Amino acid sequence: MALSDLGWEGATGHLMFPETTAVFDRGQRPMGFVHGGEGIARRIAFLTDGQPWPDTPSPGIAVFTRVDDKVDALRDALAGYGLDRIDAL
């Protein structure tokens, strides 16, 4: 999702979500179609509100809410896209 779609004036770049991002299923209703991208992006916007951001994007950083074994397993794939550094919020 483009950062500009979140209403961040002057923001460039995109939020990327892993393919393993899934719907939280509470077993209460069928899920024939779910588009959660905007909700996830808004949650990230809320969590990062007030955080200092550089004037220009830093190249090569993938940011996660936590770094664990699953994120570590993505290091080589992310490096293939030029994302050599992994940080957590």
Foldseek 3Di string as FASTA:
>chain_A
DFPVVVVDPPDGDDADDDPPDDDDCPPPDDPPDDDCVVVVVVVVCVVCPPPDDDNDDDWQEHEAQDDDPVNVVCQVVSVVVRNNHYYHD
